[in-house]
Amino acid sequence: MIGARLAAREARALERLDALAEVPRLLGRPDKCSIEMSYMDSIPFPNSKDTTSVPPTYFDHLWGVVAQMHALGMNHGDIRRKNLLRDAKDTSRPVVLDLTQSFTFSSSKSLVAKIMMPWLIRVDRIKFLQLKADHAPTGMTPGEVAELEDRPIHMGLGRFLRKKIYRPFKHWRQRAAGTRPARKRR
C-alpha cells in the first residue's frame, strides 16, 4: 500500500523534471510498486564530512537544480548525502535522486501551493546549507551562515523527538520485554 503511493509520487516527480539533465528519466512503471529510471553514469557523494573531494561549484549547481524544481511547483523534501550523486565525467555536476518526499503541486498558483511552497522551499534551503556546511565550509558566505543559524524551530523537532522521546521509550519497551539488558548505573 505504501510502496505503491511512494512509487506513484516519485513517478510524478520524475515526469515533471523530465527536462532536467541532473535527474534520471522515468522509463516506465512495470507494476504499481516500482518504477524504471534511466542509468546515469555517476559516482557516490562522499561519506561523512569530507571537505576536500566535493568542489564548491557542485553546491552552486545543486542549488540551481533545486531552484528549477521550485520554479516547476515542487520541492525535493529530502536533500541529504544519500540522495545525491556526482556526475562521473564532471564531479562538479550533481545527480539528484529519491524524490519520494517531494510535494508536486498541479499549479504554483493554487492556494495550497501559495501557502505551502515558501515553507517547503525554506526546508530545502536549510537542508542544502547543512550539507554545504559539512562538505564545503570554506564556500559558505556570511549570508548563508546567518541563514543556517536562523533555522526554524520545527527543523529540530524531529531530531528532538527521536533522541529524547522515541529512543528512551524503545529501550524501555525492549528492557520490559527482556530483549535489552538493563542500563548500568554509574
N, C-alpha and C. Protein backbone atom coordinates (compact mmCIF):
# COMPACT_ATOMS: atom_id res chain seq x y z
N MET A 1 0.82 -1.18 0.00
CA MET A 1 0.00 0.00 0.00
C MET A 1 0.88 1.26 0.00
N ILE A 2 1.86 1.32 0.89
CA ILE A 2 2.72 2.50 0.96
C ILE A 2 3.67 2.52 -0.24
N GLY A 3 4.21 1.35 -0.62
CA GLY A 3 5.13 1.29 -1.76
C GLY A 3 4.51 1.81 -3.04
N ALA A 4 3.25 1.50 -3.27
CA ALA A 4 2.57 1.96 -4.47
C ALA A 4 2.43 3.48 -4.46
N ARG A 5 2.13 4.05 -3.30
CA ARG A 5 1.99 5.51 -3.22
C ARG A 5 3.33 6.21 -3.42
N LEU A 6 4.38 5.66 -2.81
CA LEU A 6 5.70 6.27 -2.97
C LEU A 6 6.19 6.16 -4.41
N ALA A 7 5.96 5.02 -5.05
CA ALA A 7 6.35 4.86 -6.46
C ALA A 7 5.58 5.83 -7.35
N ALA A 8 4.29 6.02 -7.08
CA ALA A 8 3.50 6.96 -7.87
C ALA A 8 3.98 8.39 -7.65
N ARG A 9 4.34 8.73 -6.41
CA ARG A 9 4.84 10.07 -6.11
C ARG A 9 6.15 10.34 -6.84
N GLU A 10 7.05 9.37 -6.80
CA GLU A 10 8.34 9.54 -7.47
C GLU A 10 8.14 9.60 -8.99
N ALA A 11 7.24 8.80 -9.53
CA ALA A 11 6.98 8.83 -10.97
C ALA A 11 6.45 10.20 -11.39
N ARG A 12 5.52 10.78 -10.61
CA ARG A 12 5.01 12.12 -10.93
C ARG A 12 6.14 13.15 -10.92
N ALA A 13 7.01 13.05 -9.91
CA ALA A 13 8.11 14.00 -9.81
C ALA A 13 9.08 13.85 -10.98
N LEU A 14 9.41 12.62 -11.35
CA LEU A 14 10.32 12.40 -12.48
C LEU A 14 9.72 12.89 -13.79
N GLU A 15 8.41 12.71 -13.97
CA GLU A 15 7.75 13.22 -15.17
C GLU A 15 7.85 14.74 -15.23
N ARG A 16 7.63 15.38 -14.09
CA ARG A 16 7.70 16.84 -14.04
C ARG A 16 9.11 17.35 -14.33
N LEU A 17 10.13 16.60 -13.92
CA LEU A 17 11.52 17.03 -14.06
C LEU A 17 12.21 16.45 -15.29
N ASP A 18 11.44 16.01 -16.25
CA ASP A 18 11.99 15.35 -17.43
C ASP A 18 13.01 16.22 -18.17
N ALA A 19 12.88 17.53 -18.11
CA ALA A 19 13.79 18.42 -18.84
C ALA A 19 15.12 18.65 -18.13
N LEU A 20 15.22 18.26 -16.87
CA LEU A 20 16.46 18.49 -16.13
C LEU A 20 17.45 17.36 -16.38
N ALA A 21 18.65 17.71 -16.79
CA ALA A 21 19.68 16.70 -17.10
C ALA A 21 20.24 16.06 -15.83
N GLU A 22 20.05 16.68 -14.68
CA GLU A 22 20.61 16.16 -13.43
C GLU A 22 19.70 15.17 -12.72
N VAL A 23 18.59 14.85 -13.32
CA VAL A 23 17.62 13.92 -12.73
C VAL A 23 17.40 12.76 -13.71
N PRO A 24 17.37 11.52 -13.23
CA PRO A 24 17.13 10.39 -14.15
C PRO A 24 15.78 10.51 -14.85
N ARG A 25 15.67 9.95 -16.03
CA ARG A 25 14.41 9.92 -16.79
C ARG A 25 13.54 8.76 -16.31
N LEU A 26 12.27 8.98 -16.30
CA LEU A 26 11.33 7.90 -16.00
C LEU A 26 11.15 7.08 -17.27
N LEU A 27 11.47 5.79 -17.20
CA LEU A 27 11.34 4.92 -18.37
C LEU A 27 10.01 4.17 -18.38
N GLY A 28 9.47 3.91 -17.21
CA GLY A 28 8.21 3.20 -17.16
C GLY A 28 7.87 2.75 -15.75
N ARG A 29 6.68 2.14 -15.65
CA ARG A 29 6.19 1.59 -14.39
C ARG A 29 5.81 0.14 -14.63
N PRO A 30 6.71 -0.82 -14.40
CA PRO A 30 6.42 -2.22 -14.65
C PRO A 30 5.21 -2.74 -13.86
N ASP A 31 5.08 -2.25 -12.64
CA ASP A 31 3.90 -2.55 -11.84
C ASP A 31 3.66 -1.37 -10.91
N LYS A 32 2.62 -1.44 -10.11
CA LYS A 32 2.25 -0.26 -9.32
C LYS A 32 3.21 0.04 -8.17
N CYS A 33 4.09 -0.88 -7.83
CA CYS A 33 5.01 -0.67 -6.72
C CYS A 33 6.45 -0.40 -7.16
N SER A 34 6.69 -0.21 -8.45
CA SER A 34 8.06 0.01 -8.89
C SER A 34 8.09 0.98 -10.07
N ILE A 35 9.27 1.53 -10.29
CA ILE A 35 9.50 2.41 -11.43
C ILE A 35 10.83 2.05 -12.07
N GLU A 36 10.97 2.35 -13.35
CA GLU A 36 12.24 2.17 -14.06
C GLU A 36 12.76 3.55 -14.42
N MET A 37 14.05 3.77 -14.09
CA MET A 37 14.68 5.05 -14.40
C MET A 37 15.87 4.83 -15.30
N SER A 38 16.26 5.88 -16.00
CA SER A 38 17.44 5.81 -16.86
C SER A 38 18.70 5.73 -16.02
N TYR A 39 19.73 5.09 -16.60
CA TYR A 39 21.02 4.99 -15.94
C TYR A 39 21.77 6.31 -16.13
N MET A 40 22.40 6.77 -15.05
CA MET A 40 23.23 7.96 -15.13
C MET A 40 24.61 7.60 -14.61
N ASP A 41 25.62 7.76 -15.46
CA ASP A 41 26.98 7.43 -15.06
C ASP A 41 27.42 8.41 -13.98
N SER A 42 27.56 7.92 -12.75
CA SER A 42 27.83 8.81 -11.63
C SER A 42 28.65 8.10 -10.56
N ILE A 43 29.16 8.90 -9.64
CA ILE A 43 29.92 8.37 -8.51
C ILE A 43 29.24 8.83 -7.23
N PRO A 44 29.43 8.08 -6.13
CA PRO A 44 28.73 8.44 -4.89
C PRO A 44 29.21 9.77 -4.31
N PHE A 45 28.32 10.37 -3.57
CA PHE A 45 28.68 11.54 -2.78
C PHE A 45 29.51 11.03 -1.61
N PRO A 46 30.57 11.74 -1.20
CA PRO A 46 31.45 11.20 -0.16
C PRO A 46 30.76 11.02 1.19
N ASN A 47 31.23 10.04 1.93
CA ASN A 47 30.71 9.79 3.28
C ASN A 47 31.21 10.84 4.24
N SER A 48 30.58 10.91 5.37
CA SER A 48 30.92 11.78 6.49
C SER A 48 31.14 13.22 6.04
N LYS A 49 31.98 13.92 6.76
CA LYS A 49 32.19 15.34 6.49
C LYS A 49 33.49 15.57 5.75
N ASP A 50 33.61 14.96 4.58
CA ASP A 50 34.79 15.12 3.73
C ASP A 50 34.73 16.50 3.08
N THR A 51 35.68 17.35 3.42
CA THR A 51 35.66 18.72 2.91
C THR A 51 36.61 18.93 1.73
N THR A 52 37.17 17.85 1.19
CA THR A 52 38.15 18.03 0.12
C THR A 52 37.70 17.50 -1.23
N SER A 53 36.86 16.47 -1.27
CA SER A 53 36.59 15.82 -2.55
C SER A 53 35.42 16.42 -3.33
N VAL A 54 34.60 17.26 -2.71
CA VAL A 54 33.48 17.87 -3.41
C VAL A 54 33.84 19.32 -3.74
N PRO A 55 33.92 19.65 -5.03
CA PRO A 55 34.26 21.04 -5.38
C PRO A 55 33.13 21.99 -4.97
N PRO A 56 33.47 23.20 -4.53
CA PRO A 56 32.43 24.16 -4.12
C PRO A 56 31.42 24.47 -5.23
N THR A 57 31.85 24.36 -6.49
CA THR A 57 30.92 24.63 -7.59
C THR A 57 29.79 23.60 -7.65
N TYR A 58 30.02 22.42 -7.07
CA TYR A 58 28.98 21.38 -7.01
C TYR A 58 27.73 21.96 -6.33
N PHE A 59 27.95 22.70 -5.26
CA PHE A 59 26.82 23.22 -4.50
C PHE A 59 26.10 24.34 -5.24
N ASP A 60 26.84 25.11 -6.04
CA ASP A 60 26.18 26.11 -6.89
C ASP A 60 25.25 25.42 -7.88
N HIS A 61 25.76 24.36 -8.52
CA HIS A 61 24.94 23.61 -9.48
C HIS A 61 23.75 22.94 -8.78
N LEU A 62 24.00 22.38 -7.60
CA LEU A 62 22.92 21.70 -6.87
C LEU A 62 21.80 22.67 -6.52
N TRP A 63 22.14 23.85 -6.01
CA TRP A 63 21.08 24.80 -5.67
C TRP A 63 20.36 25.26 -6.93
N GLY A 64 21.07 25.35 -8.06
CA GLY A 64 20.41 25.69 -9.32
C GLY A 64 19.36 24.65 -9.71
N VAL A 65 19.69 23.37 -9.53
CA VAL A 65 18.74 22.29 -9.83
C VAL A 65 17.54 22.39 -8.90
N VAL A 66 17.79 22.58 -7.62
CA VAL A 66 16.69 22.66 -6.64
C VAL A 66 15.83 23.88 -6.92
N ALA A 67 16.44 25.00 -7.30
CA ALA A 67 15.67 26.20 -7.64
C ALA A 67 14.79 25.95 -8.87
N GLN A 68 15.29 25.19 -9.84
CA GLN A 68 14.46 24.84 -11.01
C GLN A 68 13.28 23.98 -10.58
N MET A 69 13.51 23.08 -9.64
CA MET A 69 12.41 22.26 -9.12
C MET A 69 11.35 23.16 -8.49
N HIS A 70 11.79 24.14 -7.70
CA HIS A 70 10.85 25.07 -7.06
C HIS A 70 10.07 25.86 -8.11
N ALA A 71 10.74 26.27 -9.17
CA ALA A 71 10.07 27.02 -10.24
C ALA A 71 9.01 26.17 -10.95
N LEU A 72 9.20 24.85 -10.93
CA LEU A 72 8.23 23.94 -11.56
C LEU A 72 7.10 23.55 -10.61
N GLY A 73 7.06 24.15 -9.42
CA GLY A 73 5.96 23.90 -8.48
C GLY A 73 6.16 22.66 -7.65
N MET A 74 7.41 22.35 -7.29
CA MET A 74 7.66 21.19 -6.43
C MET A 74 8.91 21.44 -5.61
N ASN A 75 9.08 20.64 -4.57
CA ASN A 75 10.28 20.70 -3.76
C ASN A 75 10.97 19.35 -3.81
N HIS A 76 12.15 19.23 -3.21
CA HIS A 76 12.81 17.92 -3.13
C HIS A 76 12.35 17.22 -1.86
N GLY A 77 12.46 17.88 -0.74
CA GLY A 77 11.95 17.34 0.51
C GLY A 77 12.92 16.49 1.30
N ASP A 78 14.01 16.05 0.70
CA ASP A 78 14.93 15.15 1.40
C ASP A 78 16.36 15.33 0.87
N ILE A 79 16.84 16.57 0.89
CA ILE A 79 18.20 16.84 0.41
C ILE A 79 19.17 16.36 1.47
N ARG A 80 19.91 15.33 1.13
CA ARG A 80 20.96 14.81 2.00
C ARG A 80 21.92 13.99 1.17
N ARG A 81 23.04 13.65 1.79
CA ARG A 81 24.12 12.95 1.11
C ARG A 81 23.65 11.68 0.41
N LYS A 82 22.77 10.92 1.03
CA LYS A 82 22.34 9.63 0.47
C LYS A 82 21.51 9.78 -0.80
N ASN A 83 20.97 10.96 -1.02
CA ASN A 83 20.11 11.17 -2.19
C ASN A 83 20.80 11.95 -3.30
N LEU A 84 22.12 12.07 -3.20
CA LEU A 84 22.88 12.81 -4.20
C LEU A 84 24.03 11.97 -4.72
N LEU A 85 24.32 12.16 -5.99
CA LEU A 85 25.50 11.56 -6.63
C LEU A 85 26.24 12.67 -7.34
N ARG A 86 27.41 12.33 -7.89
CA ARG A 86 28.17 13.28 -8.70
C ARG A 86 28.36 12.68 -10.08
N ASP A 87 28.24 13.50 -11.09
CA ASP A 87 28.43 13.05 -12.46
C ASP A 87 29.85 12.51 -12.60
N ALA A 88 30.00 11.35 -13.23
CA ALA A 88 31.31 10.71 -13.35
C ALA A 88 32.26 11.51 -14.23
N LYS A 89 31.75 12.19 -15.25
CA LYS A 89 32.60 12.95 -16.16
C LYS A 89 32.96 14.33 -15.60
N ASP A 90 32.05 14.92 -14.86
CA ASP A 90 32.26 16.25 -14.29
C ASP A 90 31.75 16.22 -12.84
N THR A 91 32.64 16.05 -11.88
CA THR A 91 32.22 15.87 -10.48
C THR A 91 31.64 17.13 -9.87
N SER A 92 31.66 18.24 -10.59
CA SER A 92 31.02 19.45 -10.06
C SER A 92 29.54 19.50 -10.43
N ARG A 93 29.06 18.50 -11.15
CA ARG A 93 27.64 18.43 -11.55
C ARG A 93 26.91 17.40 -10.69
N PRO A 94 25.80 17.79 -10.08
CA PRO A 94 25.06 16.86 -9.23
C PRO A 94 24.14 15.95 -10.02
N VAL A 95 23.82 14.82 -9.42
CA VAL A 95 22.76 13.93 -9.89
C VAL A 95 21.82 13.78 -8.70
N VAL A 96 20.57 14.16 -8.88
CA VAL A 96 19.60 14.21 -7.79
C VAL A 96 18.69 12.99 -7.87
N LEU A 97 18.56 12.29 -6.74
CA LEU A 97 17.75 11.08 -6.65
C LEU A 97 16.69 11.19 -5.56
N ASP A 98 15.89 10.16 -5.45
CA ASP A 98 14.92 9.95 -4.38
C ASP A 98 13.99 11.14 -4.18
N LEU A 99 12.98 11.19 -4.99
CA LEU A 99 12.00 12.27 -4.93
C LEU A 99 10.71 11.82 -4.25
N THR A 100 10.78 10.77 -3.44
CA THR A 100 9.57 10.26 -2.79
C THR A 100 9.05 11.20 -1.72
N GLN A 101 9.87 12.11 -1.21
CA GLN A 101 9.43 13.06 -0.19
C GLN A 101 8.97 14.39 -0.78
N SER A 102 9.02 14.52 -2.09
CA SER A 102 8.69 15.79 -2.71
C SER A 102 7.17 16.00 -2.78
N PHE A 103 6.80 17.27 -2.73
CA PHE A 103 5.42 17.65 -2.98
C PHE A 103 5.38 18.24 -4.37
N THR A 104 4.46 17.76 -5.20
CA THR A 104 4.32 18.24 -6.56
C THR A 104 2.93 18.86 -6.69
N PHE A 105 2.89 20.15 -6.88
CA PHE A 105 1.61 20.85 -6.99
C PHE A 105 1.22 20.97 -8.45
N SER A 106 -0.07 20.86 -8.72
CA SER A 106 -0.54 20.94 -10.11
C SER A 106 -0.28 22.32 -10.70
N SER A 107 -0.31 23.33 -9.86
CA SER A 107 -0.03 24.69 -10.32
C SER A 107 0.62 25.45 -9.17
N SER A 108 1.62 26.24 -9.49
CA SER A 108 2.26 27.04 -8.45
C SER A 108 1.37 28.20 -8.03
N LYS A 109 0.27 28.41 -8.74
CA LYS A 109 -0.65 29.49 -8.43
C LYS A 109 -1.82 29.03 -7.57
N SER A 110 -1.92 27.73 -7.30
CA SER A 110 -3.03 27.24 -6.47
C SER A 110 -2.87 27.74 -5.04
N LEU A 111 -3.96 27.81 -4.32
CA LEU A 111 -3.94 28.32 -2.95
C LEU A 111 -3.05 27.47 -2.05
N VAL A 112 -3.14 26.14 -2.18
CA VAL A 112 -2.32 25.25 -1.36
C VAL A 112 -0.84 25.47 -1.66
N ALA A 113 -0.49 25.61 -2.93
CA ALA A 113 0.91 25.83 -3.31
C ALA A 113 1.40 27.17 -2.77
N LYS A 114 0.58 28.20 -2.84
CA LYS A 114 0.99 29.50 -2.33
C LYS A 114 1.23 29.47 -0.83
N ILE A 115 0.47 28.66 -0.12
CA ILE A 115 0.64 28.55 1.33
C ILE A 115 1.84 27.66 1.67
N MET A 116 1.97 26.53 0.99
CA MET A 116 2.96 25.51 1.35
C MET A 116 4.35 25.77 0.76
N MET A 117 4.46 26.27 -0.46
CA MET A 117 5.75 26.36 -1.13
C MET A 117 6.80 27.20 -0.39
N PRO A 118 6.46 28.36 0.17
CA PRO A 118 7.52 29.09 0.90
C PRO A 118 8.11 28.26 2.06
N TRP A 119 7.28 27.54 2.75
CA TRP A 119 7.74 26.70 3.85
C TRP A 119 8.59 25.54 3.32
N LEU A 120 8.15 24.90 2.25
CA LEU A 120 8.89 23.78 1.67
C LEU A 120 10.22 24.23 1.08
N ILE A 121 10.24 25.40 0.46
CA ILE A 121 11.48 25.95 -0.07
C ILE A 121 12.45 26.24 1.07
N ARG A 122 11.95 26.75 2.16
CA ARG A 122 12.80 27.04 3.33
C ARG A 122 13.43 25.76 3.88
N VAL A 123 12.66 24.69 3.96
CA VAL A 123 13.20 23.41 4.43
C VAL A 123 14.28 22.90 3.47
N ASP A 124 14.03 22.96 2.16
CA ASP A 124 15.05 22.56 1.18
C ASP A 124 16.31 23.40 1.34
N ARG A 125 16.14 24.69 1.55
CA ARG A 125 17.29 25.59 1.66
C ARG A 125 18.13 25.26 2.90
N ILE A 126 17.48 25.02 4.03
CA ILE A 126 18.21 24.71 5.26
C ILE A 126 18.95 23.38 5.11
N LYS A 127 18.30 22.37 4.55
CA LYS A 127 18.97 21.07 4.35
C LYS A 127 20.14 21.21 3.38
N PHE A 128 19.98 22.02 2.34
CA PHE A 128 21.06 22.29 1.40
C PHE A 128 22.24 22.96 2.12
N LEU A 129 21.95 23.97 2.94
CA LEU A 129 23.01 24.69 3.64
C LEU A 129 23.72 23.80 4.66
N GLN A 130 22.98 22.91 5.30
CA GLN A 130 23.63 21.96 6.23
C GLN A 130 24.62 21.08 5.48
N LEU A 131 24.21 20.59 4.33
CA LEU A 131 25.08 19.75 3.51
C LEU A 131 26.32 20.54 3.05
N LYS A 132 26.10 21.76 2.60
CA LYS A 132 27.21 22.60 2.14
C LYS A 132 28.16 22.92 3.30
N ALA A 133 27.63 23.19 4.48
CA ALA A 133 28.48 23.49 5.64
C ALA A 133 29.32 22.27 6.03
N ASP A 134 28.78 21.08 5.85
CA ASP A 134 29.52 19.87 6.19
C ASP A 134 30.62 19.55 5.17
N HIS A 135 30.37 19.83 3.89
CA HIS A 135 31.29 19.38 2.84
C HIS A 135 32.07 20.50 2.15
N ALA A 136 31.65 21.74 2.28
CA ALA A 136 32.39 22.86 1.69
C ALA A 136 32.27 24.09 2.59
N PRO A 137 32.75 23.98 3.83
CA PRO A 137 32.58 25.10 4.77
C PRO A 137 33.27 26.39 4.31
N THR A 138 34.35 26.26 3.56
CA THR A 138 35.04 27.47 3.09
C THR A 138 34.24 28.20 2.01
N GLY A 139 33.31 27.51 1.38
CA GLY A 139 32.48 28.12 0.34
C GLY A 139 31.24 28.80 0.87
N MET A 140 31.03 28.74 2.19
CA MET A 140 29.84 29.36 2.80
C MET A 140 30.03 30.87 2.87
N THR A 141 29.04 31.61 2.39
CA THR A 141 29.07 33.07 2.50
C THR A 141 28.55 33.46 3.88
N PRO A 142 28.87 34.67 4.36
CA PRO A 142 28.32 35.10 5.65
C PRO A 142 26.80 35.07 5.69
N GLY A 143 26.17 35.38 4.56
CA GLY A 143 24.70 35.32 4.49
C GLY A 143 24.18 33.91 4.66
N GLU A 144 24.87 32.94 4.05
CA GLU A 144 24.45 31.53 4.19
C GLU A 144 24.65 31.04 5.61
N VAL A 145 25.75 31.46 6.25
CA VAL A 145 25.99 31.07 7.64
C VAL A 145 24.88 31.62 8.53
N ALA A 146 24.52 32.89 8.32
CA ALA A 146 23.45 33.50 9.10
C ALA A 146 22.12 32.82 8.84
N GLU A 147 21.87 32.46 7.59
CA GLU A 147 20.62 31.77 7.23
C GLU A 147 20.55 30.40 7.90
N LEU A 148 21.67 29.70 7.97
CA LEU A 148 21.71 28.39 8.60
C LEU A 148 21.52 28.50 10.11
N GLU A 149 22.08 29.54 10.71
CA GLU A 149 21.92 29.74 12.16
C GLU A 149 20.50 30.15 12.51
N ASP A 150 19.78 30.74 11.57
CA ASP A 150 18.40 31.18 11.81
C ASP A 150 17.42 30.09 11.36
N ARG A 151 17.74 28.87 11.74
CA ARG A 151 16.94 27.71 11.36
C ARG A 151 15.59 27.74 12.10
N PRO A 152 14.50 27.43 11.40
CA PRO A 152 13.20 27.38 12.07
C PRO A 152 13.18 26.30 13.16
N ILE A 153 12.42 26.53 14.21
CA ILE A 153 12.41 25.61 15.34
C ILE A 153 11.88 24.23 14.95
N HIS A 154 10.97 24.18 14.00
CA HIS A 154 10.40 22.88 13.62
C HIS A 154 11.43 21.97 12.96
N MET A 155 12.54 22.54 12.47
CA MET A 155 13.57 21.72 11.83
C MET A 155 14.28 20.82 12.83
N GLY A 156 14.35 21.22 14.09
CA GLY A 156 14.99 20.40 15.12
C GLY A 156 14.02 19.51 15.87
N LEU A 157 12.74 19.67 15.60
CA LEU A 157 11.73 18.91 16.35
C LEU A 157 11.84 17.41 16.11
N GLY A 158 12.07 16.99 14.89
CA GLY A 158 12.17 15.55 14.59
C GLY A 158 13.33 14.91 15.32
N ARG A 159 14.49 15.56 15.29
CA ARG A 159 15.67 15.03 16.00
C ARG A 159 15.40 14.96 17.50
N PHE A 160 14.79 16.02 18.06
CA PHE A 160 14.48 16.02 19.49
C PHE A 160 13.55 14.86 19.84
N LEU A 161 12.49 14.69 19.07
CA LEU A 161 11.54 13.61 19.35
C LEU A 161 12.20 12.24 19.24
N ARG A 162 13.06 12.07 18.24
CA ARG A 162 13.72 10.78 18.04
C ARG A 162 14.68 10.47 19.19
N LYS A 163 15.48 11.46 19.60
CA LYS A 163 16.50 11.22 20.61
C LYS A 163 15.95 11.23 22.03
N LYS A 164 15.04 12.13 22.34
CA LYS A 164 14.60 12.31 23.72
C LYS A 164 13.30 11.58 24.06
N ILE A 165 12.52 11.24 23.07
CA ILE A 165 11.24 10.57 23.32
C ILE A 165 11.25 9.14 22.79
N TYR A 166 11.47 8.97 21.48
CA TYR A 166 11.34 7.65 20.87
C TYR A 166 12.39 6.66 21.37
N ARG A 167 13.67 7.03 21.33
CA ARG A 167 14.72 6.09 21.74
C ARG A 167 14.57 5.64 23.19
N PRO A 168 14.37 6.55 24.17
CA PRO A 168 14.17 6.07 25.55
C PRO A 168 12.95 5.15 25.68
N PHE A 169 11.87 5.49 24.97
CA PHE A 169 10.68 4.64 25.03
C PHE A 169 10.96 3.27 24.43
N LYS A 170 11.67 3.25 23.28
CA LYS A 170 12.00 1.99 22.63
C LYS A 170 12.88 1.13 23.54
N HIS A 171 13.87 1.74 24.16
CA HIS A 171 14.76 0.99 25.05
C HIS A 171 14.02 0.49 26.29
N TRP A 172 13.13 1.32 26.84
CA TRP A 172 12.33 0.89 27.99
C TRP A 172 11.47 -0.31 27.62
N ARG A 173 10.84 -0.25 26.44
CA ARG A 173 10.00 -1.35 25.98
C ARG A 173 10.81 -2.62 25.77
N GLN A 174 12.02 -2.49 25.21
CA GLN A 174 12.88 -3.66 25.00
C GLN A 174 13.32 -4.25 26.33
N ARG A 175 13.64 -3.40 27.32
CA ARG A 175 14.03 -3.91 28.64
C ARG A 175 12.85 -4.61 29.30
N ALA A 176 11.65 -4.05 29.15
CA ALA A 176 10.45 -4.66 29.74
C ALA A 176 10.15 -6.01 29.11
N ALA A 177 10.46 -6.15 27.83
CA ALA A 177 10.22 -7.42 27.13
C ALA A 177 11.37 -8.39 27.35
N GLY A 178 12.45 -7.93 27.96
CA GLY A 178 13.59 -8.81 28.22
C GLY A 178 14.53 -8.97 27.04
N THR A 179 14.39 -8.15 26.01
CA THR A 179 15.26 -8.27 24.84
C THR A 179 16.43 -7.29 24.89
N ARG A 180 16.47 -6.43 25.90
CA ARG A 180 17.56 -5.46 26.05
C ARG A 180 18.01 -5.49 27.51
N PRO A 181 19.31 -5.61 27.74
CA PRO A 181 19.79 -5.64 29.13
C PRO A 181 19.58 -4.29 29.82
N ALA A 182 19.44 -4.33 31.13
CA ALA A 182 19.26 -3.10 31.90
C ALA A 182 20.52 -2.23 31.79
N ARG A 183 20.31 -0.95 31.86
CA ARG A 183 21.41 0.01 31.76
C ARG A 183 22.23 -0.01 33.02
N LYS A 184 23.54 0.03 32.87
CA LYS A 184 24.43 0.05 34.04
C LYS A 184 24.40 1.41 34.67
N ARG A 185 24.34 1.44 35.99
CA ARG A 185 24.38 2.71 36.71
C ARG A 185 25.81 3.08 36.99
N ARG A 186 26.08 4.34 36.93
CA ARG A 186 27.46 4.81 37.16
C ARG A 186 27.63 5.27 38.57
